[in-house]
């Protein structure tokens, strides 16, 4: 009896040489990543500052 799930959590590319998004969900994720890359230089922020900002945003939505 195998302990591996029947469907893999992370799908592998259909072909070994496949490049780029393989489906609609991957295409949306790719576009979000590219938007972030094209948005300009990154800001300099510490992990503590980033965590604080994220906590504040999460708490504001509650």
PDB file of N, CA and C in Angstrom:
ATOM      1  N   UNK A   1       0.842  -1.190   0.000  1.00  0.00           N
ATOM      2  CA  UNK A   1       0.000   0.000   0.000  1.00  0.00           C
ATOM      3  C   UNK A   1       0.885   1.252   0.000  1.00  0.00           C
ATOM      4  N   UNK A   2       0.640   2.149  -0.909  1.00  0.00           N
ATOM      5  CA  UNK A   2       1.425   3.369  -1.040  1.00  0.00           C
ATOM      6  C   UNK A   2       0.867   4.474  -0.141  1.00  0.00           C
ATOM      7  N   UNK A   3       1.762   5.295   0.387  1.00  0.00           N
ATOM      8  CA  UNK A   3       1.331   6.426   1.200  1.00  0.00           C
ATOM      9  C   UNK A   3       1.214   7.706   0.381  1.00  0.00           C
ATOM     10  N   UNK A   4       1.541   7.620  -0.908  1.00  0.00           N
ATOM     11  CA  UNK A   4       1.448   8.793  -1.769  1.00  0.00           C
ATOM     12  C   UNK A   4      -0.009   9.053  -2.147  1.00  0.00           C
ATOM     13  N   UNK A   5      -0.417  10.343  -2.241  1.00  0.00           N
ATOM     14  CA  UNK A   5      -1.792  10.633  -2.660  1.00  0.00           C
ATOM     15  C   UNK A   5      -2.009  10.218  -4.114  1.00  0.00           C
ATOM     16  N   UNK A   6      -3.257   9.922  -4.440  1.00  0.00           N
ATOM     17  CA  UNK A   6      -3.572   9.511  -5.816  1.00  0.00           C
ATOM     18  C   UNK A   6      -3.290  10.619  -6.810  1.00  0.00           C
ATOM     19  N   UNK A   7      -3.624  11.859  -6.461  1.00  0.00           N
ATOM     20  CA  UNK A   7      -3.316  12.988  -7.323  1.00  0.00           C
ATOM     21  C   UNK A   7      -2.211  13.804  -6.668  1.00  0.00           C
ATOM     22  N   UNK A   8      -1.171  14.131  -7.415  1.00  0.00           N
ATOM     23  CA  UNK A   8      -0.057  14.875  -6.825  1.00  0.00           C
ATOM     24  C   UNK A   8      -0.485  16.292  -6.418  1.00  0.00           C
ATOM     25  N   UNK A   9       0.103  16.790  -5.340  1.00  0.00           N
ATOM     26  CA  UNK A   9      -0.214  18.135  -4.866  1.00  0.00           C
ATOM     27  C   UNK A   9       0.264  19.174  -5.880  1.00  0.00           C
ATOM     28  N   UNK A  10       1.439  18.963  -6.435  1.00  0.00           N
ATOM     29  CA  UNK A  10       2.003  19.878  -7.416  1.00  0.00           C
ATOM     30  C   UNK A  10       2.072  19.152  -8.751  1.00  0.00           C
ATOM     31  N   UNK A  11       1.334  19.638  -9.726  1.00  0.00           N
ATOM     32  CA  UNK A  11       1.303  18.988 -11.028  1.00  0.00           C
ATOM     33  C   UNK A  11       2.610  19.229 -11.764  1.00  0.00           C
ATOM     34  N   UNK A  12       3.079  18.233 -12.430  1.00  0.00           N
ATOM     35  CA  UNK A  12       4.295  18.342 -13.224  1.00  0.00           C
ATOM     36  C   UNK A  12       3.921  18.772 -14.639  1.00  0.00           C
ATOM     37  N   UNK A  13       4.852  19.405 -15.345  1.00  0.00           N
ATOM     38  CA  UNK A  13       4.560  19.788 -16.730  1.00  0.00           C
ATOM     39  C   UNK A  13       4.186  18.574 -17.562  1.00  0.00           C
ATOM     40  N   UNK A  14       3.329  18.792 -18.539  1.00  0.00           N
ATOM     41  CA  UNK A  14       2.910  17.694 -19.414  1.00  0.00           C
ATOM     42  C   UNK A  14       4.079  17.116 -20.192  1.00  0.00           C
ATOM     43  N   UNK A  15       4.967  17.984 -20.629  1.00  0.00           N
ATOM     44  CA  UNK A  15       6.139  17.553 -21.381  1.00  0.00           C
ATOM     45  C   UNK A  15       7.389  18.006 -20.634  1.00  0.00           C
ATOM     46  N   UNK A  16       8.457  17.247 -20.754  1.00  0.00           N
ATOM     47  CA  UNK A  16       9.705  17.590 -20.078  1.00  0.00           C
ATOM     48  C   UNK A  16      10.233  18.945 -20.540  1.00  0.00           C
ATOM     49  N   UNK A  17       9.956  19.313 -21.778  1.00  0.00           N
ATOM     50  CA  UNK A  17      10.455  20.588 -22.305  1.00  0.00           C
ATOM     51  C   UNK A  17       9.383  21.682 -22.308  1.00  0.00           C
ATOM     52  N   UNK A  18       8.288  21.480 -21.592  1.00  0.00           N
ATOM     53  CA  UNK A  18       7.199  22.469 -21.545  1.00  0.00           C
ATOM     54  C   UNK A  18       7.657  23.724 -20.830  1.00  0.00           C
ATOM     55  N   UNK A  19       7.334  24.857 -21.419  1.00  0.00           N
ATOM     56  CA  UNK A  19       7.662  26.154 -20.833  1.00  0.00           C
ATOM     57  C   UNK A  19       6.399  26.990 -20.745  1.00  0.00           C
ATOM     58  N   UNK A  20       6.336  27.869 -19.766  1.00  0.00           N
ATOM     59  CA  UNK A  20       5.213  28.779 -19.639  1.00  0.00           C
ATOM     60  C   UNK A  20       4.008  28.144 -18.983  1.00  0.00           C
ATOM     61  N   UNK A  21       2.969  28.950 -18.776  1.00  0.00           N
ATOM     62  CA  UNK A  21       1.750  28.469 -18.127  1.00  0.00           C
ATOM     63  C   UNK A  21       1.100  27.333 -18.913  1.00  0.00           C
ATOM     64  N   UNK A  22       0.594  26.335 -18.172  1.00  0.00           N
ATOM     65  CA  UNK A  22      -0.012  25.175 -18.810  1.00  0.00           C
ATOM     66  C   UNK A  22      -1.538  25.238 -18.787  1.00  0.00           C
ATOM     67  N   UNK A  23      -2.101  26.118 -17.942  1.00  0.00           N
ATOM     68  CA  UNK A  23      -3.554  26.214 -17.854  1.00  0.00           C
ATOM     69  C   UNK A  23      -3.937  27.624 -17.411  1.00  0.00           C
ATOM     70  N   UNK A  24      -5.226  27.881 -17.265  1.00  0.00           N
ATOM     71  CA  UNK A  24      -5.710  29.223 -16.942  1.00  0.00           C
ATOM     72  C   UNK A  24      -5.212  29.703 -15.584  1.00  0.00           C
ATOM     73  N   UNK A  25      -5.190  28.828 -14.588  1.00  0.00           N
ATOM     74  CA  UNK A  25      -4.727  29.221 -13.252  1.00  0.00           C
ATOM     75  C   UNK A  25      -3.252  29.606 -13.284  1.00  0.00           C
ATOM     76  N   UNK A  26      -2.447  28.828 -13.980  1.00  0.00           N
ATOM     77  CA  UNK A  26      -1.030  29.155 -14.099  1.00  0.00           C
ATOM     78  C   UNK A  26      -0.826  30.447 -14.879  1.00  0.00           C
ATOM     79  N   UNK A  27      -1.653  30.693 -15.884  1.00  0.00           N
ATOM     80  CA  UNK A  27      -1.546  31.925 -16.668  1.00  0.00           C
ATOM     81  C   UNK A  27      -1.852  33.142 -15.808  1.00  0.00           C
ATOM     82  N   UNK A  28      -2.865  33.049 -14.935  1.00  0.00           N
ATOM     83  CA  UNK A  28      -3.191  34.167 -14.039  1.00  0.00           C
ATOM     84  C   UNK A  28      -2.048  34.413 -13.058  1.00  0.00           C
ATOM     85  N   UNK A  29      -1.492  33.354 -12.503  1.00  0.00           N
ATOM     86  CA  UNK A  29      -0.376  33.489 -11.579  1.00  0.00           C
ATOM     87  C   UNK A  29       0.829  34.097 -12.279  1.00  0.00           C
ATOM     88  N   UNK A  30       1.109  33.641 -13.479  1.00  0.00           N
ATOM     89  CA  UNK A  30       2.224  34.173 -14.265  1.00  0.00           C
ATOM     90  C   UNK A  30       2.056  35.669 -14.493  1.00  0.00           C
ATOM     91  N   UNK A  31       0.854  36.095 -14.848  1.00  0.00           N
ATOM     92  CA  UNK A  31       0.613  37.518 -15.089  1.00  0.00           C
ATOM     93  C   UNK A  31       0.805  38.338 -13.815  1.00  0.00           C
ATOM     94  N   UNK A  32       0.377  37.819 -12.660  1.00  0.00           N
ATOM     95  CA  UNK A  32       0.582  38.523 -11.393  1.00  0.00           C
ATOM     96  C   UNK A  32       2.070  38.665 -11.074  1.00  0.00           C
ATOM     97  N   UNK A  33       2.823  37.598 -11.297  1.00  0.00           N
ATOM     98  CA  UNK A  33       4.262  37.651 -11.041  1.00  0.00           C
ATOM     99  C   UNK A  33       4.924  38.655 -11.975  1.00  0.00           C
ATOM    100  N   UNK A  34       4.573  38.611 -13.245  1.00  0.00           N
ATOM    101  CA  UNK A  34       5.165  39.537 -14.211  1.00  0.00           C
ATOM    102  C   UNK A  34       4.791  40.979 -13.907  1.00  0.00           C
ATOM    103  N   UNK A  35       3.564  41.220 -13.455  1.00  0.00           N
ATOM    104  CA  UNK A  35       3.152  42.569 -13.072  1.00  0.00           C
ATOM    105  C   UNK A  35       4.035  43.084 -11.934  1.00  0.00           C
ATOM    106  N   UNK A  36       4.314  42.226 -10.975  1.00  0.00           N
ATOM    107  CA  UNK A  36       5.191  42.607  -9.869  1.00  0.00           C
ATOM    108  C   UNK A  36       6.598  42.912 -10.338  1.00  0.00           C
ATOM    109  N   UNK A  37       7.110  42.102 -11.262  1.00  0.00           N
ATOM    110  CA  UNK A  37       8.458  42.313 -11.781  1.00  0.00           C
ATOM    111  C   UNK A  37       8.542  43.612 -12.562  1.00  0.00           C
ATOM    112  N   UNK A  38       7.518  43.904 -13.357  1.00  0.00           N
ATOM    113  CA  UNK A  38       7.525  45.117 -14.191  1.00  0.00           C
ATOM    114  C   UNK A  38       7.184  46.380 -13.406  1.00  0.00           C
ATOM    115  N   UNK A  39       6.776  46.241 -12.149  1.00  0.00           N
ATOM    116  CA  UNK A  39       6.300  47.401 -11.391  1.00  0.00           C
ATOM    117  C   UNK A  39       7.409  48.351 -10.958  1.00  0.00           C
ATOM    118  N   UNK A  40       8.646  47.978 -11.185  1.00  0.00           N
ATOM    119  CA  UNK A  40       9.742  48.875 -10.853  1.00  0.00           C
ATOM    120  C   UNK A  40      10.625  48.300  -9.764  1.00  0.00           C
ATOM    121  N   UNK A  41      11.546  49.124  -9.282  1.00  0.00           N
ATOM    122  CA  UNK A  41      12.475  48.636  -8.267  1.00  0.00           C
ATOM    123  C   UNK A  41      11.762  48.310  -6.960  1.00  0.00           C
ATOM    124  N   UNK A  42      12.303  47.341  -6.264  1.00  0.00           N
ATOM    125  CA  UNK A  42      11.698  46.949  -4.991  1.00  0.00           C
ATOM    126  C   UNK A  42      12.066  47.955  -3.906  1.00  0.00           C
ATOM    127  N   UNK A  43      11.211  48.045  -2.906  1.00  0.00           N
ATOM    128  CA  UNK A  43      11.498  48.931  -1.791  1.00  0.00           C
ATOM    129  C   UNK A  43      12.324  48.179  -0.763  1.00  0.00           C
ATOM    130  N   UNK A  44      13.123  48.915  -0.025  1.00  0.00           N
ATOM    131  CA  UNK A  44      13.944  48.319   1.017  1.00  0.00           C
ATOM    132  C   UNK A  44      13.138  48.294   2.300  1.00  0.00           C
ATOM    133  N   UNK A  45      12.857  47.102   2.812  1.00  0.00           N
ATOM    134  CA  UNK A  45      12.048  46.962   4.015  1.00  0.00           C
ATOM    135  C   UNK A  45      12.552  45.740   4.782  1.00  0.00           C
ATOM    136  N   UNK A  46      12.541  45.843   6.088  1.00  0.00           N
ATOM    137  CA  UNK A  46      12.976  44.705   6.898  1.00  0.00           C
ATOM    138  C   UNK A  46      11.833  43.707   7.033  1.00  0.00           C
ATOM    139  N   UNK A  47      12.166  42.505   7.422  1.00  0.00           N
ATOM    140  CA  UNK A  47      11.151  41.469   7.625  1.00  0.00           C
ATOM    141  C   UNK A  47      10.175  41.911   8.708  1.00  0.00           C
ATOM    142  N   UNK A  48      10.693  42.522   9.774  1.00  0.00           N
ATOM    143  CA  UNK A  48       9.833  42.978  10.869  1.00  0.00           C
ATOM    144  C   UNK A  48       8.834  44.035  10.389  1.00  0.00           C
ATOM    145  N   UNK A  49       9.307  44.970   9.555  1.00  0.00           N
ATOM    146  CA  UNK A  49       8.417  46.003   9.019  1.00  0.00           C
ATOM    147  C   UNK A  49       7.357  45.394   8.106  1.00  0.00           C
ATOM    148  N   UNK A  50       7.771  44.467   7.257  1.00  0.00           N
ATOM    149  CA  UNK A  50       6.841  43.812   6.348  1.00  0.00           C
ATOM    150  C   UNK A  50       5.787  43.039   7.128  1.00  0.00           C
ATOM    151  N   UNK A  51       6.221  42.278   8.131  1.00  0.00           N
ATOM    152  CA  UNK A  51       5.282  41.509   8.948  1.00  0.00           C
ATOM    153  C   UNK A  51       4.301  42.443   9.656  1.00  0.00           C
ATOM    154  N   UNK A  52       4.778  43.564  10.151  1.00  0.00           N
ATOM    155  CA  UNK A  52       3.905  44.537  10.814  1.00  0.00           C
ATOM    156  C   UNK A  52       2.865  45.103   9.869  1.00  0.00           C
ATOM    157  N   UNK A  53       3.293  45.435   8.649  1.00  0.00           N
ATOM    158  CA  UNK A  53       2.350  45.963   7.657  1.00  0.00           C
ATOM    159  C   UNK A  53       1.300  44.909   7.289  1.00  0.00           C
ATOM    160  N   UNK A  54       1.733  43.682   7.106  1.00  0.00           N
ATOM    161  CA  UNK A  54       0.788  42.617   6.758  1.00  0.00           C
ATOM    162  C   UNK A  54      -0.205  42.367   7.890  1.00  0.00           C
ATOM    163  N   UNK A  55       0.285  42.360   9.130  1.00  0.00           N
ATOM    164  CA  UNK A  55      -0.621  42.181  10.276  1.00  0.00           C
ATOM    165  C   UNK A  55      -1.653  43.307  10.327  1.00  0.00           C
ATOM    166  N   UNK A  56      -1.201  44.546  10.108  1.00  0.00           N
ATOM    167  CA  UNK A  56      -2.119  45.687  10.138  1.00  0.00           C
ATOM    168  C   UNK A  56      -3.187  45.555   9.056  1.00  0.00           C
ATOM    169  N   UNK A  57      -2.799  45.137   7.861  1.00  0.00           N
ATOM    170  CA  UNK A  57      -3.763  44.965   6.767  1.00  0.00           C
ATOM    171  C   UNK A  57      -4.765  43.853   7.078  1.00  0.00           C
ATOM    172  N   UNK A  58      -4.261  42.758   7.624  1.00  0.00           N
ATOM    173  CA  UNK A  58      -5.141  41.633   7.961  1.00  0.00           C
ATOM    174  C   UNK A  58      -6.126  42.048   9.055  1.00  0.00           C
ATOM    175  N   UNK A  59      -5.616  42.724  10.082  1.00  0.00           N
ATOM    176  CA  UNK A  59      -6.488  43.166  11.185  1.00  0.00           C
ATOM    177  C   UNK A  59      -7.509  44.202  10.714  1.00  0.00           C
ATOM    178  N   UNK A  60      -7.162  45.025   9.755  1.00  0.00           N
ATOM    179  CA  UNK A  60      -8.088  46.037   9.242  1.00  0.00           C
ATOM    180  C   UNK A  60      -9.259  45.397   8.496  1.00  0.00           C
ATOM    181  N   UNK A  61      -9.039  44.209   7.943  1.00  0.00           N
ATOM    182  CA  UNK A  61     -10.095  43.524   7.184  1.00  0.00           C
ATOM    183  C   UNK A  61     -11.037  42.750   8.087  1.00  0.00           C
ATOM    184  N   UNK A  62     -10.677  42.576   9.342  1.00  0.00           N
ATOM    185  CA  UNK A  62     -11.529  41.791  10.260  1.00  0.00           C
ATOM    186  C   UNK A  62     -12.658  42.600  10.790  1.00  0.00           C
TER     187      UNK A  62
END
